[in-house]
């Protein structure tokens, strides 16, 4: 009796699939995933900060590892990692040429001015880490406030500018510092 090659191939395939142990495939046993441990969920990792360092020591720890004299060569200086334009724009040159050359206290004095104008967003990563939001109010004696109003460059609108910010006299308006 002659069988067609197709019939033989189909029969062999059927017998191989049905015969137990004929297959060389191994099956992994079904194992259920382990149940989570009971108890409170793990706490997210955060930088611990002592109350005695709050908030500037904490921000400095996050920004520069707490090294107030650091100069990493990336254009940011000191414990709070001031850029040079920010340091100069907020009066830091009164203390030192760069923030890393100023004391901790002097850097904090400039940082308070930065937060009063820009808010804690000036240090976006670290302020989020510690939940710092908004702006800080600077306390000034009345005499300082009156004196600053008459100081050129501290007016809200430069002399000669229109309400739209376009200079009437052709003088340039400086963009705000970041």
C-alpha atoms as a PDB file:
ATOM      1  CA  UNK A   1       0.000   0.000   0.000  1.00  0.00           C
ATOM      2  CA  UNK A   2       1.335   3.310  -1.005  1.00  0.00           C
ATOM      3  CA  UNK A   3       0.640   6.418   0.987  1.00  0.00           C
ATOM      4  CA  UNK A   4       1.021   9.866  -0.318  1.00  0.00           C
ATOM      5  CA  UNK A   5       3.910  11.844   1.221  1.00  0.00           C
ATOM      6  CA  UNK A   6       1.464  14.451   2.523  1.00  0.00           C
ATOM      7  CA  UNK A   7      -0.520  11.831   4.429  1.00  0.00           C
ATOM      8  CA  UNK A   8       2.653  10.486   6.050  1.00  0.00           C
ATOM      9  CA  UNK A   9       3.759  13.971   7.102  1.00  0.00           C
ATOM     10  CA  UNK A  10       0.357  14.757   8.609  1.00  0.00           C
ATOM     11  CA  UNK A  11       0.230  11.464  10.515  1.00  0.00           C
ATOM     12  CA  UNK A  12       3.736  11.972  11.906  1.00  0.00           C
ATOM     13  CA  UNK A  13       2.899  15.494  13.011  1.00  0.00           C
ATOM     14  CA  UNK A  14      -0.288  14.315  14.709  1.00  0.00           C
ATOM     15  CA  UNK A  15       1.439  11.481  16.568  1.00  0.00           C
ATOM     16  CA  UNK A  16       4.252  13.765  17.753  1.00  0.00           C
ATOM     17  CA  UNK A  17       1.829  16.337  19.132  1.00  0.00           C
ATOM     18  CA  UNK A  18      -0.382  13.739  20.868  1.00  0.00           C
ATOM     19  CA  UNK A  19       2.252  11.372  22.262  1.00  0.00           C
ATOM     20  CA  UNK A  20       3.230  12.344  25.814  1.00  0.00           C
ATOM     21  CA  UNK A  21       6.935  12.734  26.463  1.00  0.00           C
ATOM     22  CA  UNK A  22       7.753  12.853  22.776  1.00  0.00           C
ATOM     23  CA  UNK A  23       8.216  16.589  22.834  1.00  0.00           C
ATOM     24  CA  UNK A  24      11.522  18.055  23.931  1.00  0.00           C
ATOM     25  CA  UNK A  25       9.950  21.255  25.253  1.00  0.00           C
ATOM     26  CA  UNK A  26       9.937  21.759  28.983  1.00  0.00           C
ATOM     27  CA  UNK A  27       7.275  23.683  30.802  1.00  0.00           C
ATOM     28  CA  UNK A  28       7.952  25.952  33.754  1.00  0.00           C
ATOM     29  CA  UNK A  29       5.601  25.419  36.649  1.00  0.00           C
ATOM     30  CA  UNK A  30       3.137  28.225  37.256  1.00  0.00           C
ATOM     31  CA  UNK A  31       4.299  30.140  40.323  1.00  0.00           C
ATOM     32  CA  UNK A  32       2.232  32.945  41.785  1.00  0.00           C
ATOM     33  CA  UNK A  33       3.931  36.248  42.567  1.00  0.00           C
ATOM     34  CA  UNK A  34       4.747  36.678  46.249  1.00  0.00           C
ATOM     35  CA  UNK A  35       2.339  38.753  48.309  1.00  0.00           C
ATOM     36  CA  UNK A  36       3.615  42.132  49.495  1.00  0.00           C
ATOM     37  CA  UNK A  37       4.728  42.303  53.094  1.00  0.00           C
ATOM     38  CA  UNK A  38       2.167  43.624  55.516  1.00  0.00           C
ATOM     39  CA  UNK A  39       2.761  46.924  57.269  1.00  0.00           C
ATOM     40  CA  UNK A  40       3.123  50.538  56.223  1.00  0.00           C
ATOM     41  CA  UNK A  41       4.394  51.336  52.719  1.00  0.00           C
ATOM     42  CA  UNK A  42       8.066  52.279  52.430  1.00  0.00           C
ATOM     43  CA  UNK A  43       8.887  55.970  52.880  1.00  0.00           C
ATOM     44  CA  UNK A  44      10.240  57.820  49.833  1.00  0.00           C
ATOM     45  CA  UNK A  45      13.935  58.589  49.975  1.00  0.00           C
ATOM     46  CA  UNK A  46      14.693  62.188  50.861  1.00  0.00           C
ATOM     47  CA  UNK A  47      17.552  64.247  52.134  1.00  0.00           C
ATOM     48  CA  UNK A  48      17.288  64.584  55.875  1.00  0.00           C
ATOM     49  CA  UNK A  49      17.691  68.128  57.090  1.00  0.00           C
ATOM     50  CA  UNK A  50      18.253  69.323  60.624  1.00  0.00           C
ATOM     51  CA  UNK A  51      15.940  72.051  61.887  1.00  0.00           C
ATOM     52  CA  UNK A  52      18.980  74.123  62.785  1.00  0.00           C
ATOM     53  CA  UNK A  53      19.904  74.265  59.069  1.00  0.00           C
ATOM     54  CA  UNK A  54      16.415  75.083  57.801  1.00  0.00           C
ATOM     55  CA  UNK A  55      15.977  76.238  55.034  1.00  0.00           C
ATOM     56  CA  UNK A  56      19.280  77.492  53.609  1.00  0.00           C
ATOM     57  CA  UNK A  57      21.491  74.719  54.930  1.00  0.00           C
ATOM     58  CA  UNK A  58      19.041  72.194  53.489  1.00  0.00           C
ATOM     59  CA  UNK A  59      18.985  73.822  50.051  1.00  0.00           C
ATOM     60  CA  UNK A  60      22.795  74.049  50.119  1.00  0.00           C
ATOM     61  CA  UNK A  61      23.037  70.373  51.078  1.00  0.00           C
ATOM     62  CA  UNK A  62      20.862  69.514  48.084  1.00  0.00           C
ATOM     63  CA  UNK A  63      22.552  71.932  45.650  1.00  0.00           C
ATOM     64  CA  UNK A  64      26.220  71.500  46.564  1.00  0.00           C
ATOM     65  CA  UNK A  65      26.466  68.827  49.238  1.00  0.00           C
ATOM     66  CA  UNK A  66      26.574  71.625  51.817  1.00  0.00           C
ATOM     67  CA  UNK A  67      29.912  72.994  50.588  1.00  0.00           C
ATOM     68  CA  UNK A  68      29.585  76.782  50.774  1.00  0.00           C
ATOM     69  CA  UNK A  69      32.979  77.313  49.072  1.00  0.00           C
ATOM     70  CA  UNK A  70      32.393  75.033  46.060  1.00  0.00           C
ATOM     71  CA  UNK A  71      33.398  76.006  42.525  1.00  0.00           C
ATOM     72  CA  UNK A  72      32.694  73.045  40.249  1.00  0.00           C
ATOM     73  CA  UNK A  73      33.546  74.894  37.046  1.00  0.00           C
ATOM     74  CA  UNK A  74      29.990  74.666  35.690  1.00  0.00           C
ATOM     75  CA  UNK A  75      29.234  78.393  36.000  1.00  0.00           C
ATOM     76  CA  UNK A  76      27.480  78.076  39.366  1.00  0.00           C
ATOM     77  CA  UNK A  77      29.204  78.997  42.603  1.00  0.00           C
ATOM     78  CA  UNK A  78      28.888  78.595  46.347  1.00  0.00           C
ATOM     79  CA  UNK A  79      26.635  76.521  48.540  1.00  0.00           C
ATOM     80  CA  UNK A  80      23.465  77.714  46.835  1.00  0.00           C
ATOM     81  CA  UNK A  81      24.971  77.449  43.331  1.00  0.00           C
ATOM     82  CA  UNK A  82      24.464  81.038  42.176  1.00  0.00           C
ATOM     83  CA  UNK A  83      25.098  81.855  38.540  1.00  0.00           C
ATOM     84  CA  UNK A  84      27.424  84.838  38.159  1.00  0.00           C
ATOM     85  CA  UNK A  85      24.730  87.116  36.630  1.00  0.00           C
ATOM     86  CA  UNK A  86      22.371  86.338  39.521  1.00  0.00           C
ATOM     87  CA  UNK A  87      25.110  86.923  42.104  1.00  0.00           C
ATOM     88  CA  UNK A  88      25.969  90.290  40.571  1.00  0.00           C
ATOM     89  CA  UNK A  89      22.368  91.280  39.810  1.00  0.00           C
ATOM     90  CA  UNK A  90      21.292  90.899  43.430  1.00  0.00           C
ATOM     91  CA  UNK A  91      24.285  92.772  44.836  1.00  0.00           C
ATOM     92  CA  UNK A  92      26.619  89.913  45.680  1.00  0.00           C
ATOM     93  CA  UNK A  93      29.711  91.802  44.501  1.00  0.00           C
ATOM     94  CA  UNK A  94      29.286  93.901  47.614  1.00  0.00           C
ATOM     95  CA  UNK A  95      30.581  90.844  49.504  1.00  0.00           C
ATOM     96  CA  UNK A  96      32.823  88.994  47.054  1.00  0.00           C
ATOM     97  CA  UNK A  97      33.546  88.699  43.304  1.00  0.00           C
ATOM     98  CA  UNK A  98      31.828  85.275  43.198  1.00  0.00           C
ATOM     99  CA  UNK A  99      29.501  83.409  45.554  1.00  0.00           C
ATOM    100  CA  UNK A 100      32.070  80.705  46.389  1.00  0.00           C
ATOM    101  CA  UNK A 101      34.368  83.430  47.756  1.00  0.00           C
ATOM    102  CA  UNK A 102      31.658  84.799  50.077  1.00  0.00           C
ATOM    103  CA  UNK A 103      30.751  83.497  53.531  1.00  0.00           C
ATOM    104  CA  UNK A 104      27.705  81.364  54.243  1.00  0.00           C
ATOM    105  CA  UNK A 105      25.988  84.357  55.842  1.00  0.00           C
ATOM    106  CA  UNK A 106      26.679  86.570  52.812  1.00  0.00           C
ATOM    107  CA  UNK A 107      25.375  83.935  50.394  1.00  0.00           C
ATOM    108  CA  UNK A 108      22.197  83.625  52.453  1.00  0.00           C
ATOM    109  CA  UNK A 109      21.736  87.421  52.394  1.00  0.00           C
ATOM    110  CA  UNK A 110      21.767  87.349  48.581  1.00  0.00           C
ATOM    111  CA  UNK A 111      19.578  84.229  48.483  1.00  0.00           C
ATOM    112  CA  UNK A 112      16.903  86.029  50.520  1.00  0.00           C
ATOM    113  CA  UNK A 113      16.819  88.757  47.873  1.00  0.00           C
ATOM    114  CA  UNK A 114      16.564  86.144  45.110  1.00  0.00           C
ATOM    115  CA  UNK A 115      13.647  84.388  46.835  1.00  0.00           C
ATOM    116  CA  UNK A 116      11.868  87.704  47.395  1.00  0.00           C
ATOM    117  CA  UNK A 117      11.929  88.370  43.643  1.00  0.00           C
ATOM    118  CA  UNK A 118      11.977  84.942  41.963  1.00  0.00           C
ATOM    119  CA  UNK A 119      10.527  82.716  44.656  1.00  0.00           C
ATOM    120  CA  UNK A 120      11.830  79.297  45.637  1.00  0.00           C
ATOM    121  CA  UNK A 121      11.660  78.294  41.975  1.00  0.00           C
ATOM    122  CA  UNK A 122      15.167  79.736  41.665  1.00  0.00           C
ATOM    123  CA  UNK A 123      16.213  76.337  43.082  1.00  0.00           C
ATOM    124  CA  UNK A 124      13.541  74.162  41.375  1.00  0.00           C
ATOM    125  CA  UNK A 125      14.782  70.670  42.202  1.00  0.00           C
ATOM    126  CA  UNK A 126      15.747  71.321  45.806  1.00  0.00           C
ATOM    127  CA  UNK A 127      12.755  73.515  46.641  1.00  0.00           C
ATOM    128  CA  UNK A 128      10.416  70.734  45.454  1.00  0.00           C
ATOM    129  CA  UNK A 129      12.374  68.212  47.503  1.00  0.00           C
ATOM    130  CA  UNK A 130      11.782  70.210  50.685  1.00  0.00           C
ATOM    131  CA  UNK A 131       8.324  71.541  49.801  1.00  0.00           C
ATOM    132  CA  UNK A 132       9.432  75.185  49.635  1.00  0.00           C
ATOM    133  CA  UNK A 133       6.950  77.361  47.729  1.00  0.00           C
ATOM    134  CA  UNK A 134       6.166  80.992  47.075  1.00  0.00           C
ATOM    135  CA  UNK A 135       8.267  84.031  47.817  1.00  0.00           C
ATOM    136  CA  UNK A 136       9.947  85.305  50.931  1.00  0.00           C
ATOM    137  CA  UNK A 137       9.103  88.764  52.201  1.00  0.00           C
ATOM    138  CA  UNK A 138      12.091  90.989  52.881  1.00  0.00           C
ATOM    139  CA  UNK A 139      11.749  93.093  55.989  1.00  0.00           C
ATOM    140  CA  UNK A 140      13.158  96.580  55.428  1.00  0.00           C
ATOM    141  CA  UNK A 141      12.993  99.711  57.528  1.00  0.00           C
ATOM    142  CA  UNK A 142      10.822 102.448  56.008  1.00  0.00           C
ATOM    143  CA  UNK A 143      13.866 104.631  55.333  1.00  0.00           C
ATOM    144  CA  UNK A 144      15.386 101.912  53.115  1.00  0.00           C
ATOM    145  CA  UNK A 145      12.163 101.553  51.141  1.00  0.00           C
ATOM    146  CA  UNK A 146      11.989 105.295  50.459  1.00  0.00           C
ATOM    147  CA  UNK A 147      15.676 105.420  49.533  1.00  0.00           C
ATOM    148  CA  UNK A 148      15.310 102.488  47.111  1.00  0.00           C
ATOM    149  CA  UNK A 149      12.375 104.095  45.329  1.00  0.00           C
ATOM    150  CA  UNK A 150      14.606 106.979  44.364  1.00  0.00           C
ATOM    151  CA  UNK A 151      17.508 104.776  43.280  1.00  0.00           C
ATOM    152  CA  UNK A 152      17.852 104.529  39.480  1.00  0.00           C
ATOM    153  CA  UNK A 153      17.405 100.983  38.222  1.00  0.00           C
ATOM    154  CA  UNK A 154      15.107  99.915  41.051  1.00  0.00           C
ATOM    155  CA  UNK A 155      11.984 101.571  39.659  1.00  0.00           C
ATOM    156  CA  UNK A 156       9.334  99.273  38.284  1.00  0.00           C
ATOM    157  CA  UNK A 157       9.306 101.243  35.053  1.00  0.00           C
ATOM    158  CA  UNK A 158      12.489 102.935  33.836  1.00  0.00           C
ATOM    159  CA  UNK A 159      12.336 106.652  33.159  1.00  0.00           C
ATOM    160  CA  UNK A 160      11.348 107.338  29.600  1.00  0.00           C
ATOM    161  CA  UNK A 161       9.434 104.079  29.145  1.00  0.00           C
ATOM    162  CA  UNK A 162       5.798 103.838  28.176  1.00  0.00           C
ATOM    163  CA  UNK A 163       3.283 101.650  29.969  1.00  0.00           C
ATOM    164  CA  UNK A 164       3.843  98.943  27.364  1.00  0.00           C
ATOM    165  CA  UNK A 165       7.540  98.771  28.179  1.00  0.00           C
ATOM    166  CA  UNK A 166       8.598 100.354  24.899  1.00  0.00           C
ATOM    167  CA  UNK A 167      11.155 103.091  25.505  1.00  0.00           C
ATOM    168  CA  UNK A 168      10.021 106.553  24.463  1.00  0.00           C
ATOM    169  CA  UNK A 169      13.537 107.964  24.481  1.00  0.00           C
ATOM    170  CA  UNK A 170      15.179 105.046  22.703  1.00  0.00           C
ATOM    171  CA  UNK A 171      16.845 103.792  25.903  1.00  0.00           C
ATOM    172  CA  UNK A 172      17.202 100.052  26.247  1.00  0.00           C
ATOM    173  CA  UNK A 173      15.220  98.184  28.871  1.00  0.00           C
ATOM    174  CA  UNK A 174      17.245  95.447  30.531  1.00  0.00           C
ATOM    175  CA  UNK A 175      15.567  92.026  30.728  1.00  0.00           C
ATOM    176  CA  UNK A 176      14.953  90.674  34.241  1.00  0.00           C
ATOM    177  CA  UNK A 177      17.530  88.309  35.713  1.00  0.00           C
ATOM    178  CA  UNK A 178      16.686  84.671  36.082  1.00  0.00           C
END
